[in-house]
Amino acid sequence: MSLSGFYTFLWAMSAVALMVFIALYFVKAGYGMFRTASWGVSIPNKVAWVLMEAPVFFVMAWLWLRSDTGFVWPQFLFLLLFELHYLQRSFVFPLLMKGRSRMPIAIMAMGIVFNVLNGVMQAGGLFWFPPESYAEGTAYLLRPHAIAGLLLFIIGMGINLHSDHVIRHLRKPGDTRHYLPAKGMYRYVTSANYFGELVEWTGFAVLTASPAAWVFVWWTAANLVPRANAIHKHYCEEFGKEAVGRRKRIIPYIY
């Protein structure tokens, strides 16, 4: 793939993300609390999450091995951070899931397609067509934007992991009631886990200064912002607007 071809790919991915963003304000993605029989055949959530998220972990590793990057910094650090996230999301997160939720195969399949394409996109931005500034090696990591981006990535991952922990421990064994999460960042937004992921990938984009990483941020927002809106409305209907209070959907004090 040429550089011009790669940028055409990025623009195409951005355009599709826009369509997804608009569509998800009208159609609720049928997984989690919004799963319905209309989405067709489903499989256990744990299996679906592994099958859906693992491809990007392996695609990224495979494309790194096929590149000439090797263990050169800063790209190798970026690879480690990306793989760290998906190691947790693909293999640890599903194992920690509780309950017997299911995911429609259609949703899983769409997730697989995106994750494969995203693996190609991120590998292209980091290994095939990297910014010229990467030639600075480890000195690149001392740039102010790199330091800020790394901190944002770590903070975002921490918020995401803590928020998942809060959700998993809302119920005691045998309890089937629904609860409104209220710890950690859930005091400010009803989708704190999504906020953490958005911060995390924004930090990655700031750190890497890669156009491909910014397209991923746009995709993350296109997927999670409409869903956070749907979750916020669901909580208001189930628990009442007074219980939800002044909490925003996904970005504290803003939206």
Protein backbone atom coordinates (compact mmCIF):
# COMPACT_ATOMS: atom_id res chain seq x y z
CA MET A 1 0.00 0.00 0.00
CA SER A 2 1.30 3.45 -0.93
CA LEU A 3 1.15 6.48 1.36
CA SER A 4 -1.65 8.00 -0.71
CA GLY A 5 -3.53 4.71 -0.60
CA PHE A 6 -3.13 4.58 3.17
CA TYR A 7 -4.58 8.07 3.60
CA THR A 8 -7.47 7.15 1.34
CA PHE A 9 -8.05 4.20 3.68
CA LEU A 10 -8.05 6.56 6.68
CA TRP A 11 -10.57 8.89 5.04
CA ALA A 12 -12.80 5.94 4.16
CA MET A 13 -12.67 4.66 7.75
CA SER A 14 -13.52 8.15 9.02
CA ALA A 15 -16.51 8.38 6.70
CA VAL A 16 -17.84 5.00 7.83
CA ALA A 17 -17.42 6.10 11.47
CA LEU A 18 -19.60 9.14 10.75
CA MET A 19 -22.34 6.88 9.41
CA VAL A 20 -22.03 4.63 12.48
CA PHE A 21 -22.21 7.66 14.78
CA ILE A 22 -25.45 8.86 13.19
CA ALA A 23 -27.00 5.39 12.95
CA LEU A 24 -26.41 4.55 16.61
CA TYR A 25 -28.55 7.49 17.68
CA PHE A 26 -31.46 5.74 16.00
CA VAL A 27 -30.61 2.04 16.45
CA LYS A 28 -29.36 0.63 19.74
CA ALA A 29 -26.53 -1.86 19.25
CA GLY A 30 -28.02 -5.10 20.54
CA TYR A 31 -25.57 -6.21 23.19
CA GLY A 32 -25.52 -5.84 26.96
CA MET A 33 -28.66 -4.22 28.37
CA PHE A 34 -30.00 -3.59 24.84
CA ARG A 35 -29.84 -7.15 23.50
CA THR A 36 -33.07 -8.35 21.92
CA ALA A 37 -34.10 -11.45 19.98
CA SER A 38 -34.41 -9.31 16.83
CA TRP A 39 -30.62 -9.34 16.51
CA GLY A 40 -30.70 -13.07 15.79
CA VAL A 41 -28.63 -15.96 17.07
CA SER A 42 -26.44 -15.20 20.09
CA ILE A 43 -23.58 -16.90 21.90
CA PRO A 44 -22.22 -16.58 25.48
CA ASN A 45 -20.81 -13.13 26.15
CA LYS A 46 -17.43 -14.41 27.33
CA VAL A 47 -16.83 -16.37 24.13
CA ALA A 48 -18.08 -13.52 21.97
CA TRP A 49 -15.77 -10.97 23.60
CA VAL A 50 -12.70 -13.14 23.07
CA LEU A 51 -13.59 -13.86 19.44
CA MET A 52 -14.40 -10.20 18.78
CA GLU A 53 -11.43 -8.49 20.46
CA ALA A 54 -8.59 -10.99 20.03
CA PRO A 55 -8.16 -10.48 16.24
CA VAL A 56 -6.74 -6.98 16.64
CA PHE A 57 -4.25 -8.25 19.23
CA PHE A 58 -2.92 -10.87 16.82
CA VAL A 59 -3.16 -8.73 13.67
CA MET A 60 -1.13 -5.96 15.30
CA ALA A 61 1.53 -8.42 16.50
CA TRP A 62 1.69 -10.14 13.09
CA LEU A 63 2.05 -6.89 11.15
CA TRP A 64 4.74 -5.70 13.55
CA LEU A 65 6.68 -8.91 12.96
CA ARG A 66 6.34 -8.45 9.19
CA SER A 67 7.60 -4.87 9.37
CA ASP A 68 11.21 -3.73 9.71
CA THR A 69 10.48 -1.94 12.98
CA GLY A 70 11.79 -4.56 15.37
CA PHE A 71 12.45 -3.28 18.88
CA VAL A 72 13.13 0.31 17.82
CA TRP A 73 11.72 2.97 20.12
CA PRO A 74 9.35 4.73 20.30
CA GLN A 75 7.32 2.40 18.03
CA PHE A 76 7.97 -0.65 20.19
CA LEU A 77 6.62 1.17 23.25
CA PHE A 78 3.50 2.14 21.29
CA LEU A 79 3.05 -1.50 20.29
CA LEU A 80 3.36 -2.62 23.92
CA LEU A 81 0.77 -0.10 25.10
CA PHE A 82 -1.68 -1.09 22.36
CA GLU A 83 -1.19 -4.79 23.03
CA LEU A 84 -1.49 -4.26 26.79
CA HIS A 85 -4.96 -2.80 26.32
CA TYR A 86 -6.10 -5.62 24.07
CA LEU A 87 -4.50 -8.32 26.20
CA GLN A 88 -6.76 -7.12 29.00
CA ARG A 89 -9.80 -6.54 26.77
CA SER A 90 -9.49 -9.82 24.83
CA PHE A 91 -8.54 -12.30 27.53
CA VAL A 92 -8.73 -10.84 31.06
CA PHE A 93 -11.97 -8.84 30.79
CA PRO A 94 -14.06 -11.78 29.49
CA LEU A 95 -12.79 -14.09 32.24
CA LEU A 96 -13.88 -11.59 34.89
CA MET A 97 -17.40 -11.29 33.50
CA LYS A 98 -20.24 -12.40 35.74
CA GLY A 99 -23.65 -13.70 34.81
CA ARG A 100 -24.84 -15.49 31.70
CA SER A 101 -25.25 -12.65 29.24
CA ARG A 102 -25.15 -13.35 25.54
CA MET A 103 -24.08 -11.42 22.45
CA PRO A 104 -25.66 -11.64 18.99
CA ILE A 105 -23.35 -13.18 16.41
CA ALA A 106 -24.12 -10.24 14.11
CA ILE A 107 -22.69 -7.76 16.65
CA MET A 108 -19.65 -9.96 17.20
CA ALA A 109 -19.04 -10.25 13.45
CA MET A 110 -19.15 -6.47 12.99
CA GLY A 111 -16.71 -6.12 15.87
CA ILE A 112 -14.32 -8.61 14.28
CA VAL A 113 -14.35 -6.75 10.96
CA PHE A 114 -13.64 -3.43 12.62
CA ASN A 115 -10.87 -4.83 14.83
CA VAL A 116 -9.08 -6.42 11.87
CA LEU A 117 -9.28 -3.15 9.92
CA ASN A 118 -8.16 -1.18 12.97
CA GLY A 119 -5.16 -3.47 13.40
CA VAL A 120 -4.16 -2.73 9.79
CA MET A 121 -4.81 0.98 10.34
CA GLN A 122 -2.73 1.29 13.52
CA ALA A 123 0.10 -0.84 12.15
CA GLY A 124 0.18 1.35 9.06
CA GLY A 125 0.39 4.52 11.15
CA LEU A 126 3.11 3.18 13.45
CA PHE A 127 5.22 0.83 11.33
CA TRP A 128 4.70 1.49 7.61
CA PHE A 129 4.11 5.24 7.43
CA PRO A 130 5.34 6.59 10.78
CA PRO A 131 5.82 10.32 11.48
CA GLU A 132 9.35 11.53 10.75
CA SER A 133 9.75 12.53 14.39
CA TYR A 134 9.99 8.84 15.38
CA ALA A 135 13.57 8.96 14.06
CA GLU A 136 14.49 10.73 17.30
CA GLY A 137 14.18 7.39 19.10
CA THR A 138 13.80 7.54 22.87
CA ALA A 139 14.25 11.34 22.75
CA TYR A 140 10.80 11.51 21.16
CA LEU A 141 9.29 10.37 24.45
CA LEU A 142 10.63 13.50 26.18
CA ARG A 143 8.55 15.77 24.00
CA PRO A 144 5.80 17.54 26.01
CA HIS A 145 2.99 16.07 23.91
CA ALA A 146 4.42 12.56 24.30
CA ILE A 147 4.60 12.89 28.09
CA ALA A 148 1.07 14.32 28.22
CA GLY A 149 -0.23 11.59 25.91
CA LEU A 150 1.35 8.80 27.95
CA LEU A 151 -0.17 10.20 31.16
CA LEU A 152 -3.60 10.45 29.51
CA PHE A 153 -3.31 6.87 28.29
CA ILE A 154 -2.45 5.59 31.77
CA ILE A 155 -5.18 7.67 33.45
CA GLY A 156 -7.76 6.55 30.89
CA MET A 157 -6.86 2.90 31.31
CA GLY A 158 -7.09 3.28 35.09
CA ILE A 159 -10.54 4.84 34.84
CA ASN A 160 -11.67 2.14 32.43
CA LEU A 161 -10.45 -0.73 34.63
CA HIS A 162 -11.86 0.78 37.82
CA SER A 163 -15.22 1.45 36.17
CA ASP A 164 -15.43 -2.15 34.95
CA HIS A 165 -14.64 -3.26 38.51
CA VAL A 166 -17.50 -1.11 39.86
CA ILE A 167 -19.97 -2.61 37.38
CA ARG A 168 -18.91 -6.18 38.18
CA HIS A 169 -19.47 -5.64 41.90
CA LEU A 170 -22.85 -3.91 41.83
CA ARG A 171 -24.60 -7.15 42.82
CA LYS A 172 -23.93 -9.68 45.52
CA PRO A 173 -24.10 -13.39 44.61
CA GLY A 174 -27.69 -14.40 43.92
CA ASP A 175 -28.95 -10.82 43.61
CA THR A 176 -30.77 -10.11 40.33
CA ARG A 177 -31.82 -6.51 40.96
CA HIS A 178 -30.52 -3.60 38.87
CA TYR A 179 -28.44 -0.85 40.44
CA LEU A 180 -27.24 2.56 39.35
CA PRO A 181 -23.42 2.66 39.55
CA ALA A 182 -22.26 5.59 41.69
CA LYS A 183 -18.59 5.05 42.58
CA GLY A 184 -15.51 6.53 40.96
CA MET A 185 -16.20 8.44 37.76
CA TYR A 186 -19.78 7.17 37.84
CA ARG A 187 -20.41 10.10 40.18
CA TYR A 188 -19.97 12.34 37.14
CA VAL A 189 -21.10 10.29 34.13
CA THR A 190 -23.37 7.30 33.61
CA SER A 191 -20.86 5.61 31.28
CA ALA A 192 -17.59 6.01 33.16
CA ASN A 193 -16.04 2.95 31.50
CA TYR A 194 -16.61 4.54 28.10
CA PHE A 195 -15.17 7.84 29.31
CA GLY A 196 -12.03 6.01 30.44
CA GLU A 197 -11.64 4.31 27.07
CA LEU A 198 -12.10 7.59 25.21
CA VAL A 199 -9.45 9.26 27.38
CA GLU A 200 -7.14 6.29 26.93
CA TRP A 201 -7.21 6.34 23.13
CA THR A 202 -7.04 10.13 23.00
CA GLY A 203 -3.87 9.83 25.05
CA PHE A 204 -2.55 7.23 22.62
CA ALA A 205 -3.21 9.56 19.69
CA VAL A 206 -1.52 12.50 21.43
CA LEU A 207 1.44 10.28 22.35
CA THR A 208 1.95 8.76 18.90
CA ALA A 209 0.96 11.81 16.81
CA SER A 210 -0.33 9.27 14.30
CA PRO A 211 -3.25 10.19 12.00
CA ALA A 212 -4.37 6.56 12.22
CA ALA A 213 -4.60 6.82 16.01
CA TRP A 214 -6.79 9.92 15.68
CA VAL A 215 -9.10 8.05 13.33
CA PHE A 216 -9.35 5.39 16.04
CA VAL A 217 -10.32 8.09 18.55
CA TRP A 218 -13.06 9.20 16.16
CA TRP A 219 -14.25 5.59 15.83
CA THR A 220 -14.23 5.17 19.60
CA ALA A 221 -16.37 8.29 20.00
CA ALA A 222 -18.66 7.30 17.12
CA ASN A 223 -19.35 3.96 18.79
CA LEU A 224 -19.44 4.93 22.47
CA VAL A 225 -21.00 8.41 22.58
CA PRO A 226 -24.38 7.35 21.10
CA ARG A 227 -24.40 4.24 23.28
CA ALA A 228 -23.65 6.35 26.36
CA ASN A 229 -26.63 8.51 25.41
CA ALA A 230 -28.88 5.42 25.20
CA ILE A 231 -27.61 4.14 28.57
CA HIS A 232 -28.24 7.54 30.17
CA LYS A 233 -31.83 7.55 28.92
CA HIS A 234 -32.28 3.96 30.11
CA TYR A 235 -31.07 4.83 33.61
CA CYS A 236 -33.35 7.88 33.73
CA GLU A 237 -36.32 5.68 32.81
CA GLU A 238 -35.42 2.87 35.21
CA PHE A 239 -34.22 4.82 38.25
CA GLY A 240 -35.71 8.27 37.64
CA LYS A 241 -34.08 11.54 36.64
CA GLU A 242 -33.67 12.54 40.28
CA ALA A 243 -31.58 9.43 41.00
CA VAL A 244 -29.38 10.04 37.97
CA GLY A 245 -29.05 13.65 39.06
CA ARG A 246 -26.72 15.99 37.24
CA ARG A 247 -24.50 13.24 35.91
CA LYS A 248 -23.65 13.60 32.24
CA ARG A 249 -23.55 10.79 29.68
CA ILE A 250 -19.85 10.27 28.93
CA ILE A 251 -17.86 13.52 29.35
CA PRO A 252 -18.01 15.08 32.85
CA TYR A 253 -19.78 18.46 32.99
CA ILE A 254 -20.10 18.56 29.19
CA TYR A 255 -22.17 15.72 27.69
